[in-house]
Structures are given as C-alpha cells and as structure tokens.
Amino acid sequence: MGSPIDREAFAAFNLPLDDVPADAPLEIWPENAPTVIVFSAMSTQWTKSGFSGRLEGLRYDALPVVMRYCGIPPSERSAVFFGVRLMERATMEVINGQY
C-alpha cells in the first residue's frame, strides 16, 4: 500500500493531484532508501526565485544537518549527497517545465 498523498506538498508546487493515481504504490529499493529519506527531509529547503517561483535548487548548507538527523553514517554521506543531487535535478526539470 502506498503512502497517502501530501496535498500541501502538491499545492506548494502548483501540481495537479489528478496526475497521481490514488492507489499508486511507491517502491524504494533498499540501497536508495537513505537518499530518499534525506531528500524527503530536505523538502523545506528549496529556494525559489522571482514571482513565478521558479525552483533554483536545494539549500546545501542544510544538508549536513539533515543527514546527521536522518542517521546517515559519515561513510555513506558522499553517495547520499550525489543521490540527492540527482533527485533535485529531476524535480527541477519537472517543476520548472524542462522535461
């Protein structure tokens, strides 16, 4: 069973809820779980610019603190950082309409 849809998160990015099937399961491979956890925890760290609210990216200064609070061991932080960057880029492409 998938997680419930976070309506506030969708509204913050002006995304229509109609695009997400109500019962869409989300499968996360174990090796990707730390990255997904950190990326999710960084959800309040997006920077926007202009009146249109174009996403500029995540505030990386918060990332070390978030990783520590999420329990990411120092030996895994580099891999998680690069995974977060991949997820950030994909999110920006979708939100900013670059796909």
Protein backbone atom coordinates (compact mmCIF):
# COMPACT_ATOMS: atom_id res chain seq x y z
CA MET A 1 0.00 0.00 0.00
CA GLY A 2 1.36 3.42 -0.95
CA SER A 3 1.74 6.44 1.29
CA PRO A 4 -1.12 8.94 1.44
CA ILE A 5 -0.77 11.89 -0.93
CA ASP A 6 0.58 15.03 0.74
CA ARG A 7 -1.88 17.61 -0.63
CA GLU A 8 0.03 20.56 0.87
CA ALA A 9 3.26 19.50 -0.88
CA PHE A 10 1.46 19.29 -4.21
CA ALA A 11 -0.18 22.68 -3.65
CA ALA A 12 3.18 24.28 -2.79
CA PHE A 13 4.46 23.34 -6.25
CA ASN A 14 1.16 24.01 -8.07
CA LEU A 15 0.94 20.36 -9.15
CA PRO A 16 -2.46 18.93 -10.04
CA LEU A 17 -3.45 15.97 -7.90
CA ASP A 18 -5.19 14.46 -10.91
CA ASP A 19 -1.76 13.45 -12.25
CA VAL A 20 -1.22 10.99 -9.40
CA PRO A 21 -3.22 7.75 -9.28
CA ALA A 22 -4.90 7.39 -5.88
CA ASP A 23 -3.55 3.89 -5.31
CA ALA A 24 -0.10 4.28 -6.92
CA PRO A 25 2.40 2.23 -4.90
CA LEU A 26 5.86 3.61 -4.32
CA GLU A 27 8.67 1.07 -4.35
CA ILE A 28 12.05 2.15 -3.00
CA TRP A 29 14.97 -0.19 -3.30
CA PRO A 30 16.85 -0.66 -0.01
CA GLU A 31 20.08 0.80 -1.39
CA ASN A 32 18.21 4.00 -2.34
CA ALA A 33 16.31 4.39 0.94
CA PRO A 34 18.88 6.67 2.67
CA THR A 35 18.84 9.06 -0.29
CA VAL A 36 15.05 9.13 -0.45
CA ILE A 37 14.81 9.74 3.30
CA VAL A 38 17.25 12.66 3.14
CA PHE A 39 15.64 14.13 0.01
CA SER A 40 12.24 13.99 1.68
CA ALA A 41 13.63 15.59 4.85
CA MET A 42 15.06 18.42 2.69
CA SER A 43 11.57 19.30 1.41
CA THR A 44 11.56 22.64 3.25
CA GLN A 45 14.97 23.65 1.90
CA TRP A 46 14.05 24.59 -1.68
CA THR A 47 14.99 28.03 -2.93
CA LYS A 48 12.77 29.85 -5.41
CA SER A 49 13.31 32.98 -7.43
CA GLY A 50 11.11 35.59 -8.98
CA PHE A 51 7.38 35.96 -8.87
CA SER A 52 6.84 32.75 -10.79
CA GLY A 53 8.50 30.75 -8.03
CA ARG A 54 10.98 29.01 -10.34
CA LEU A 55 12.96 26.44 -8.36
CA GLU A 56 16.65 27.25 -8.11
CA GLY A 57 17.61 24.18 -6.10
CA LEU A 58 18.12 22.94 -2.57
CA ARG A 59 19.97 24.81 0.15
CA TYR A 60 23.02 22.59 0.54
CA ASP A 61 24.03 24.30 3.78
CA ALA A 62 21.21 22.38 5.50
CA LEU A 63 22.24 19.02 4.04
CA PRO A 64 24.89 18.02 6.63
CA VAL A 65 22.48 18.71 9.49
CA VAL A 66 19.67 16.80 7.78
CA MET A 67 21.97 13.83 7.11
CA ARG A 68 23.02 13.70 10.77
CA TYR A 69 19.41 13.85 11.98
CA CYS A 70 18.44 11.14 9.49
CA GLY A 71 21.20 8.91 10.90
CA ILE A 72 23.28 8.69 7.72
CA PRO A 73 26.74 7.35 8.67
CA PRO A 74 29.68 9.51 7.54
CA SER A 75 30.85 6.74 5.22
CA GLU A 76 27.56 6.94 3.23
CA ARG A 77 27.16 10.73 3.09
CA SER A 78 29.00 11.22 -0.19
CA ALA A 79 26.82 8.68 -2.00
CA VAL A 80 23.66 10.14 -0.46
CA PHE A 81 24.74 13.65 -1.48
CA PHE A 82 25.10 12.65 -5.13
CA GLY A 83 21.78 10.78 -4.99
CA VAL A 84 20.06 13.86 -3.58
CA ARG A 85 21.55 15.93 -6.40
CA LEU A 86 20.09 13.53 -8.97
CA MET A 87 16.67 13.74 -7.35
CA GLU A 88 16.96 17.53 -7.11
CA ARG A 89 17.77 17.84 -10.83
CA ALA A 90 14.88 15.57 -11.83
CA THR A 91 12.48 17.52 -9.60
CA MET A 92 13.61 20.84 -11.02
CA GLU A 93 13.14 19.58 -14.58
CA VAL A 94 9.56 18.53 -13.84
CA ILE A 95 8.57 21.54 -11.74
CA ASN A 96 10.24 24.12 -13.98
CA GLY A 97 8.81 22.51 -17.10
CA GLN A 98 12.11 21.45 -18.64
CA TYR A 99 11.13 17.89 -19.47
